[in-house]
Amino acid sequence: MSAVRLDQIRRVLVIKWSALGDVVIASALMEDIARALPHAEIHLNTQPNCAGLFAHDPRFAEVWAIDVRSKAHRWANSLAWLKKVRAGRFDLVIDLQRSDHSRFLLSLLLLVGGAPRIRVGNRGGFPYTHQPAIRNADAHAFPMMQSVLQAIGIPTTTSHPVLYPAADRLPAVDALRRRHGLEDGRFVVLLPGAAAAHPLKRWGAARFAELARLLHAQGVPKIAVVGGPDEVDDCAEIAAVGDYVVNLNGQLQLLDIAPLCAGAIAIIGNDTGTAHFASAAERPLLVLCGPTDPRRVKPIGRTAVAVQAQLPCRSCYAKVCANPDTQACMKAITPEWVAARLPELAAGEMKPGQNWPGGLRSF
């Protein structure tokens, strides 16, 4: 396998379609790519639901999305994708997908002519010219994607997501914080949501509400609750515990989450996409896991920690709980336990690998 002369690379295509959390994680790798190839023109191919995240990103000459997964237009869109990549005349393609779909399209492109001469991807094998050391689909997305870059000599030094909101959003978030009295170092952010299709991932509004009460009693002046359209009722229930809880549901864009969290004592939430956005703030972050494996889903960053009850049925990834004690994995993480951990979480003393009575373990 020949070494890649990074100084000779002029046009780069980065492929990262989904899932949303993985795309946010991949933004750290995009930073490494941009740093290693400052002379190159870098293009990003993502999916329509993710393209807006990079609308103001200075690292990319072009961000484009063709929905090759569309059931109604799969073949037409796949053909459009092949034409787009072929016309790009890229020297290098970095495929950060975890499936074989992009690999299949690149194989077609190689067979018909027009594929980039240097090709590297998560899955390895044909049609890639360079092979990553980690090719385990069950591994965490971050080291897998780092391995892809390392295979072609790109240093992987960025440890947290790097995203670029529109310039007018930072003043808007600052104004929102001032309006609600969210002063630096005087509030905790709660993320009570998770995908509606995966309700078992939710700790529950009642537990978050009790946690808000406990944190305020411990001296936290304000609690900010962040959620999306699927969490309107949960956020309202949590906010009902007192006027010290600020309900920000519907008031933030996704790229506003990190600027908001930058001033927080800590962030506490479920395994949810918003936790990945919050991790870009590099503030203490605790993610509550049960049916999903924290070794695979935890947000990246030196300040992110996940906790899970070590039950036999943990990490089941089920949508319907089979345990007679429904959601036992999430019930085992009590509001009292989480509230008691806040000082060590905020101080950076809560580390992966710790064990607590009751079968809880950090990751």
Protein backbone atom coordinates (compact mmCIF):
# COMPACT_ATOMS: atom_id res chain seq x y z
CA MET A 1 0.00 0.00 0.00
CA SER A 2 1.61 3.25 -1.13
CA ALA A 3 1.83 6.23 1.20
CA VAL A 4 -0.44 9.18 0.42
CA ARG A 5 1.26 12.46 -0.41
CA LEU A 6 -1.13 14.82 1.34
CA ASP A 7 0.61 17.85 -0.19
CA GLN A 8 -0.42 16.65 -3.64
CA ILE A 9 -4.13 16.32 -2.82
CA ARG A 10 -6.13 19.14 -4.42
CA ARG A 11 -9.78 18.02 -4.34
CA VAL A 12 -11.37 15.97 -1.56
CA LEU A 13 -14.81 14.44 -1.14
CA VAL A 14 -15.95 13.56 2.40
CA ILE A 15 -19.00 11.27 2.61
CA LYS A 16 -21.04 11.23 5.81
CA TRP A 17 -24.79 10.66 5.56
CA SER A 18 -26.13 9.56 8.95
CA ALA A 19 -27.14 9.09 11.67
CA LEU A 20 -27.43 12.61 13.06
CA GLY A 21 -25.31 11.84 16.13
CA ASP A 22 -22.65 10.19 13.98
CA VAL A 23 -22.61 13.21 11.66
CA VAL A 24 -21.97 15.48 14.64
CA ILE A 25 -19.17 13.16 15.81
CA ALA A 26 -17.74 13.19 12.29
CA SER A 27 -17.39 16.98 12.48
CA ALA A 28 -14.34 16.38 14.68
CA LEU A 29 -12.79 14.32 11.87
CA MET A 30 -13.72 17.04 9.39
CA GLU A 31 -11.63 19.42 11.48
CA ASP A 32 -8.67 17.04 11.27
CA ILE A 33 -9.10 16.79 7.49
CA ALA A 34 -9.22 20.57 7.08
CA ARG A 35 -6.10 21.03 9.22
CA ALA A 36 -4.15 18.37 7.35
CA LEU A 37 -5.18 19.64 3.90
CA PRO A 38 -5.30 23.45 4.14
CA HIS A 39 -4.38 23.74 0.46
CA ALA A 40 -7.16 21.40 -0.77
CA GLU A 41 -10.72 22.11 -1.85
CA ILE A 42 -12.94 19.97 0.37
CA HIS A 43 -16.50 18.98 -0.52
CA LEU A 44 -19.00 17.33 1.84
CA ASN A 45 -21.67 14.89 0.73
CA THR A 46 -24.33 14.38 3.38
CA GLN A 47 -28.08 13.79 3.51
CA PRO A 48 -30.73 16.51 3.17
CA ASN A 49 -31.60 16.44 6.88
CA CYS A 50 -27.96 17.13 7.83
CA ALA A 51 -26.90 19.61 5.15
CA GLY A 52 -28.10 22.61 7.17
CA LEU A 53 -25.61 21.82 9.92
CA PHE A 54 -22.81 22.83 7.56
CA ALA A 55 -24.47 25.76 5.78
CA HIS A 56 -22.01 28.22 7.35
CA ASP A 57 -19.01 25.91 7.63
CA PRO A 58 -15.82 27.52 6.25
CA ARG A 59 -14.10 24.15 5.87
CA PHE A 60 -16.10 23.18 2.78
CA ALA A 61 -16.13 24.57 -0.74
CA GLU A 62 -19.47 22.84 -1.26
CA VAL A 63 -21.95 20.91 0.86
CA TRP A 64 -24.35 18.84 -1.21
CA ALA A 65 -27.04 16.27 -0.54
CA ILE A 66 -28.68 13.74 -2.82
CA ASP A 67 -31.07 11.37 -1.07
CA VAL A 68 -29.79 8.06 -2.41
CA ARG A 69 -31.89 6.27 0.24
CA SER A 70 -35.20 7.55 -1.09
CA LYS A 71 -37.44 4.57 -1.80
CA ALA A 72 -39.34 6.46 -4.48
CA HIS A 73 -36.30 7.88 -6.27
CA ARG A 74 -33.45 5.58 -5.25
CA TRP A 75 -32.19 4.69 -8.72
CA ALA A 76 -32.60 8.16 -10.21
CA ASN A 77 -30.88 9.73 -7.19
CA SER A 78 -28.12 7.14 -7.25
CA LEU A 79 -27.44 7.96 -10.89
CA ALA A 80 -27.39 11.68 -10.04
CA TRP A 81 -24.94 10.93 -7.21
CA LEU A 82 -22.61 9.00 -9.54
CA LYS A 83 -22.66 11.84 -12.08
CA LYS A 84 -21.98 14.42 -9.37
CA VAL A 85 -18.96 12.56 -7.96
CA ARG A 86 -17.59 11.77 -11.40
CA ALA A 87 -17.85 15.44 -12.44
CA GLY A 88 -16.03 16.48 -9.26
CA ARG A 89 -12.72 14.98 -10.40
CA PHE A 90 -11.68 14.34 -6.82
CA ASP A 91 -8.20 13.12 -5.91
CA LEU A 92 -9.35 11.63 -2.63
CA VAL A 93 -12.62 10.32 -1.22
CA ILE A 94 -12.97 9.76 2.53
CA ASP A 95 -16.03 7.61 3.15
CA LEU A 96 -17.10 7.84 6.81
CA GLN A 97 -20.28 5.78 6.44
CA ARG A 98 -20.83 2.66 8.54
CA SER A 99 -22.89 0.82 5.90
CA ASP A 100 -22.15 -0.70 2.50
CA HIS A 101 -24.38 1.69 0.54
CA SER A 102 -21.70 4.28 -0.23
CA ARG A 103 -19.21 1.48 -0.80
CA PHE A 104 -21.54 0.04 -3.45
CA LEU A 105 -21.86 3.38 -5.23
CA LEU A 106 -18.10 3.92 -5.20
CA SER A 107 -17.63 0.41 -6.60
CA LEU A 108 -19.97 1.26 -9.47
CA LEU A 109 -18.06 4.46 -10.09
CA LEU A 110 -14.79 2.58 -10.19
CA LEU A 111 -16.18 0.07 -12.67
CA VAL A 112 -17.53 2.70 -15.07
CA GLY A 113 -14.61 5.09 -14.63
CA GLY A 114 -14.28 8.39 -12.78
CA ALA A 115 -13.64 7.23 -9.21
CA PRO A 116 -11.14 9.24 -7.14
CA ARG A 117 -7.68 7.67 -7.35
CA ILE A 118 -7.34 7.45 -3.54
CA ARG A 119 -10.27 5.89 -1.72
CA VAL A 120 -10.55 5.08 1.97
CA GLY A 121 -13.60 4.07 4.02
CA ASN A 122 -14.88 2.62 7.27
CA ARG A 123 -15.67 -0.80 5.83
CA GLY A 124 -12.37 -1.42 4.08
CA GLY A 125 -11.89 -3.91 1.24
CA PHE A 126 -12.95 -3.23 -2.35
CA PRO A 127 -13.07 -0.54 -3.77
CA TYR A 128 -10.86 1.24 -1.25
CA THR A 129 -7.16 1.74 -1.91
CA HIS A 130 -6.23 2.09 1.76
CA GLN A 131 -7.50 0.03 4.67
CA PRO A 132 -8.31 1.31 8.18
CA ALA A 133 -7.06 -0.67 11.16
CA ILE A 134 -10.52 -0.76 12.78
CA ARG A 135 -13.23 -2.37 10.65
CA ASN A 136 -15.61 -3.54 13.37
CA ALA A 137 -19.16 -2.30 12.78
CA ASP A 138 -19.89 -2.75 16.51
CA ALA A 139 -17.15 -0.33 17.56
CA HIS A 140 -17.83 3.26 18.54
CA ALA A 141 -18.09 5.46 15.45
CA PHE A 142 -15.31 7.82 16.56
CA PRO A 143 -12.29 5.47 16.69
CA MET A 144 -13.54 3.81 13.49
CA MET A 145 -13.55 7.13 11.66
CA GLN A 146 -10.23 8.12 13.19
CA SER A 147 -8.80 4.88 11.84
CA VAL A 148 -9.95 5.87 8.35
CA LEU A 149 -7.97 9.11 8.48
CA GLN A 150 -4.95 7.46 10.05
CA ALA A 151 -4.84 4.97 7.15
CA ILE A 152 -3.86 7.82 4.81
CA GLY A 153 -1.60 9.67 7.24
CA ILE A 154 -3.98 12.35 8.54
CA PRO A 155 -3.33 13.04 12.26
CA THR A 156 -6.43 12.69 14.44
CA THR A 157 -6.08 15.24 17.23
CA THR A 158 -9.56 16.79 17.51
CA SER A 159 -11.43 15.26 20.45
CA HIS A 160 -14.82 17.00 20.29
CA PRO A 161 -17.35 18.05 17.62
CA VAL A 162 -16.57 21.25 15.73
CA LEU A 163 -19.62 22.97 14.24
CA TYR A 164 -20.21 26.46 12.86
CA PRO A 165 -23.56 28.16 13.57
CA ALA A 166 -24.58 31.20 11.55
CA ALA A 167 -22.90 34.40 12.75
CA ASP A 168 -26.18 35.91 13.96
CA ARG A 169 -27.00 32.93 16.20
CA LEU A 170 -24.34 33.59 18.85
CA PRO A 171 -25.78 37.02 19.75
CA ALA A 172 -29.26 35.48 19.69
CA VAL A 173 -28.25 32.78 22.18
CA ASP A 174 -26.54 35.36 24.41
CA ALA A 175 -29.73 37.44 24.41
CA LEU A 176 -31.80 34.36 25.27
CA ARG A 177 -29.54 33.56 28.20
CA ARG A 178 -29.71 37.13 29.52
CA ARG A 179 -33.50 37.14 29.22
CA HIS A 180 -33.78 34.01 31.35
CA GLY A 181 -30.99 34.80 33.81
CA LEU A 182 -28.74 31.92 32.71
CA GLU A 183 -25.45 33.24 34.01
CA ASP A 184 -22.14 31.47 33.42
CA GLY A 185 -21.54 28.74 35.99
CA ARG A 186 -24.99 29.13 37.55
CA PHE A 187 -27.19 26.73 35.61
CA VAL A 188 -27.48 23.07 34.61
CA VAL A 189 -28.89 21.93 31.26
CA LEU A 190 -31.26 18.94 31.07
CA LEU A 191 -31.88 17.03 27.83
CA PRO A 192 -34.99 14.88 28.48
CA GLY A 193 -35.65 13.77 24.90
CA ALA A 194 -34.77 10.88 22.62
CA ALA A 195 -36.07 9.72 19.27
CA ALA A 196 -39.81 9.09 19.44
CA ALA A 197 -39.24 5.67 17.87
CA HIS A 198 -37.08 4.65 20.84
CA PRO A 199 -39.08 5.52 23.98
CA LEU A 200 -37.08 3.15 26.21
CA LYS A 201 -34.09 5.48 25.92
CA ARG A 202 -35.98 8.14 27.88
CA TRP A 203 -35.31 8.45 31.59
CA GLY A 204 -38.72 10.05 31.97
CA ALA A 205 -40.05 13.54 32.65
CA ALA A 206 -40.93 12.70 36.26
CA ARG A 207 -37.33 11.74 37.04
CA PHE A 208 -35.95 14.82 35.30
CA ALA A 209 -38.45 16.96 37.23
CA GLU A 210 -37.33 15.43 40.53
CA LEU A 211 -33.70 15.94 39.51
CA ALA A 212 -34.42 19.63 38.84
CA ARG A 213 -35.91 19.97 42.34
CA LEU A 214 -32.92 18.27 43.94
CA LEU A 215 -30.34 20.31 42.02
CA HIS A 216 -32.07 23.56 42.96
CA ALA A 217 -32.18 22.47 46.61
CA GLN A 218 -28.43 21.83 46.36
CA GLY A 219 -27.86 25.43 45.29
CA VAL A 220 -28.10 25.43 41.49
CA PRO A 221 -29.92 28.72 40.76
CA LYS A 222 -31.34 27.80 37.34
CA ILE A 223 -32.19 24.67 35.37
CA ALA A 224 -32.52 24.97 31.57
CA VAL A 225 -34.55 22.32 29.76
CA VAL A 226 -33.80 21.77 26.08
CA GLY A 227 -35.94 19.63 23.76
CA GLY A 228 -37.49 19.39 20.34
CA PRO A 229 -41.00 18.91 18.93
CA ASP A 230 -41.25 15.39 20.39
CA GLU A 231 -40.50 16.65 23.92
CA VAL A 232 -43.01 19.49 24.30
CA ASP A 233 -45.00 17.71 27.01
CA ASP A 234 -41.92 16.40 28.84
CA CYS A 235 -40.31 19.84 28.93
CA ALA A 236 -43.53 21.41 30.19
CA GLU A 237 -43.82 18.82 32.98
CA ILE A 238 -40.25 19.48 34.11
CA ALA A 239 -40.70 23.25 33.95
CA ALA A 240 -43.83 23.02 36.13
CA VAL A 241 -41.75 22.23 39.23
CA GLY A 242 -40.78 25.85 39.76
CA ASP A 243 -39.93 29.20 38.21
CA TYR A 244 -36.23 28.36 38.50
CA VAL A 245 -36.69 25.94 35.58
CA VAL A 246 -36.33 27.62 32.18
CA ASN A 247 -38.19 25.81 29.41
CA LEU A 248 -36.31 26.46 26.16
CA ASN A 249 -38.31 24.02 24.08
CA GLY A 250 -38.83 25.47 20.62
CA GLN A 251 -36.54 28.44 21.25
CA LEU A 252 -33.27 26.96 19.99
CA GLN A 253 -31.85 25.69 16.74
CA LEU A 254 -29.66 22.59 16.87
CA LEU A 255 -26.45 24.59 16.44
CA ASP A 256 -27.51 26.86 19.33
CA ILE A 257 -27.20 24.03 21.84
CA ALA A 258 -23.40 24.16 22.20
CA PRO A 259 -23.25 27.97 22.68
CA LEU A 260 -25.99 27.68 25.30
CA CYS A 261 -24.22 24.84 27.11
CA ALA A 262 -20.86 26.65 27.04
CA GLY A 263 -21.85 28.50 30.22
CA ALA A 264 -23.41 25.55 32.06
CA ILE A 265 -22.16 23.90 35.23
CA ALA A 266 -23.00 20.58 33.59
CA ILE A 267 -25.33 18.91 31.10
CA ILE A 268 -27.40 15.82 31.93
CA GLY A 269 -29.44 13.93 29.37
CA ASN A 270 -30.52 10.75 27.67
CA ASP A 271 -28.78 9.02 24.80
CA THR A 272 -30.08 11.52 22.27
CA GLY A 273 -28.85 13.54 19.32
CA THR A 274 -28.96 16.76 21.34
CA ALA A 275 -26.34 15.31 23.71
CA HIS A 276 -23.93 15.07 20.77
CA PHE A 277 -24.54 18.74 19.94
CA ALA A 278 -24.03 19.63 23.61
CA SER A 279 -20.69 17.81 23.69
CA ALA A 280 -19.27 20.44 21.33
CA ALA A 281 -19.36 22.87 24.29
CA GLU A 282 -16.74 20.78 26.15
CA ARG A 283 -18.62 21.14 29.42
CA PRO A 284 -19.17 18.26 31.89
CA LEU A 285 -21.76 15.99 30.27
CA LEU A 286 -23.51 12.97 31.81
CA VAL A 287 -25.50 10.68 29.50
CA LEU A 288 -27.97 8.20 31.01
CA CYS A 289 -27.97 4.90 29.11
CA GLY A 290 -30.06 1.77 29.46
CA PRO A 291 -31.16 -0.06 26.31
CA THR A 292 -28.23 1.30 24.26
CA ASP A 293 -24.57 0.46 24.74
CA PRO A 294 -22.63 3.46 26.10
CA ARG A 295 -19.45 2.04 24.58
CA ARG A 296 -21.01 2.66 21.15
CA VAL A 297 -23.26 5.69 21.66
CA LYS A 298 -21.52 7.98 24.15
CA PRO A 299 -20.81 11.49 22.83
CA ILE A 300 -17.15 12.21 22.25
CA GLY A 301 -15.00 14.61 24.24
CA ARG A 302 -12.85 14.57 27.34
CA THR A 303 -15.70 15.86 29.51
CA ALA A 304 -18.38 13.36 28.43
CA VAL A 305 -19.29 10.43 30.69
CA ALA A 306 -22.10 7.87 30.36
CA VAL A 307 -23.66 5.74 33.08
CA GLN A 308 -25.55 2.47 32.82
CA ALA A 309 -27.02 -0.10 35.23
CA GLN A 310 -25.22 -3.41 34.76
CA LEU A 311 -28.33 -5.57 34.39
CA PRO A 312 -28.33 -8.79 32.33
CA CYS A 313 -30.72 -7.20 29.82
CA ARG A 314 -28.72 -3.98 29.33
CA SER A 315 -27.95 -2.74 25.83
CA CYS A 316 -30.88 -4.70 24.38
CA TYR A 317 -31.67 -2.02 21.77
CA ALA A 318 -35.31 -3.05 22.02
CA LYS A 319 -38.23 -0.72 21.36
CA VAL A 320 -40.48 -2.69 23.72
CA CYS A 321 -39.10 -3.71 27.12
CA ALA A 322 -39.06 -7.48 27.73
CA ASN A 323 -38.11 -7.14 31.39
CA PRO A 324 -41.07 -7.82 33.78
CA ASP A 325 -39.84 -4.73 35.63
CA THR A 326 -40.36 -2.37 32.71
CA GLN A 327 -37.40 -0.06 32.08
CA ALA A 328 -35.51 -1.45 35.07
CA CYS A 329 -32.28 -0.24 33.50
CA MET A 330 -33.41 3.39 33.61
CA LYS A 331 -35.16 3.11 36.99
CA ALA A 332 -31.87 1.99 38.54
CA ILE A 333 -30.44 5.44 37.84
CA THR A 334 -32.30 7.51 40.43
CA PRO A 335 -32.60 11.31 40.55
CA GLU A 336 -31.00 11.21 44.01
CA TRP A 337 -27.96 9.37 42.62
CA VAL A 338 -27.56 11.78 39.71
CA ALA A 339 -27.93 14.85 41.92
CA ALA A 340 -25.32 13.50 44.31
CA ARG A 341 -22.86 13.11 41.42
CA LEU A 342 -23.09 16.74 40.28
CA PRO A 343 -20.08 18.04 42.29
CA GLU A 344 -17.71 15.38 40.96
CA LEU A 345 -19.17 15.65 37.45
CA ALA A 346 -18.67 19.42 37.44
CA ALA A 347 -15.15 19.04 38.83
CA GLY A 348 -14.17 16.55 36.13
CA GLU A 349 -13.73 13.80 38.71
CA MET A 350 -16.41 11.48 37.31
CA LYS A 351 -14.44 9.23 35.00
CA PRO A 352 -15.15 6.18 32.83
CA GLY A 353 -14.67 2.87 34.59
CA GLN A 354 -16.08 3.83 37.98
CA ASN A 355 -18.48 1.47 39.77
CA TRP A 356 -21.13 2.38 42.34
CA PRO A 357 -23.41 0.39 44.66
CA GLY A 358 -26.56 -0.68 42.89
CA GLY A 359 -24.73 -1.97 39.85
CA LEU A 360 -24.13 1.40 38.15
CA ARG A 361 -21.02 1.89 36.07
CA SER A 362 -19.59 4.83 34.15
CA PHE A 363 -18.23 4.74 30.61
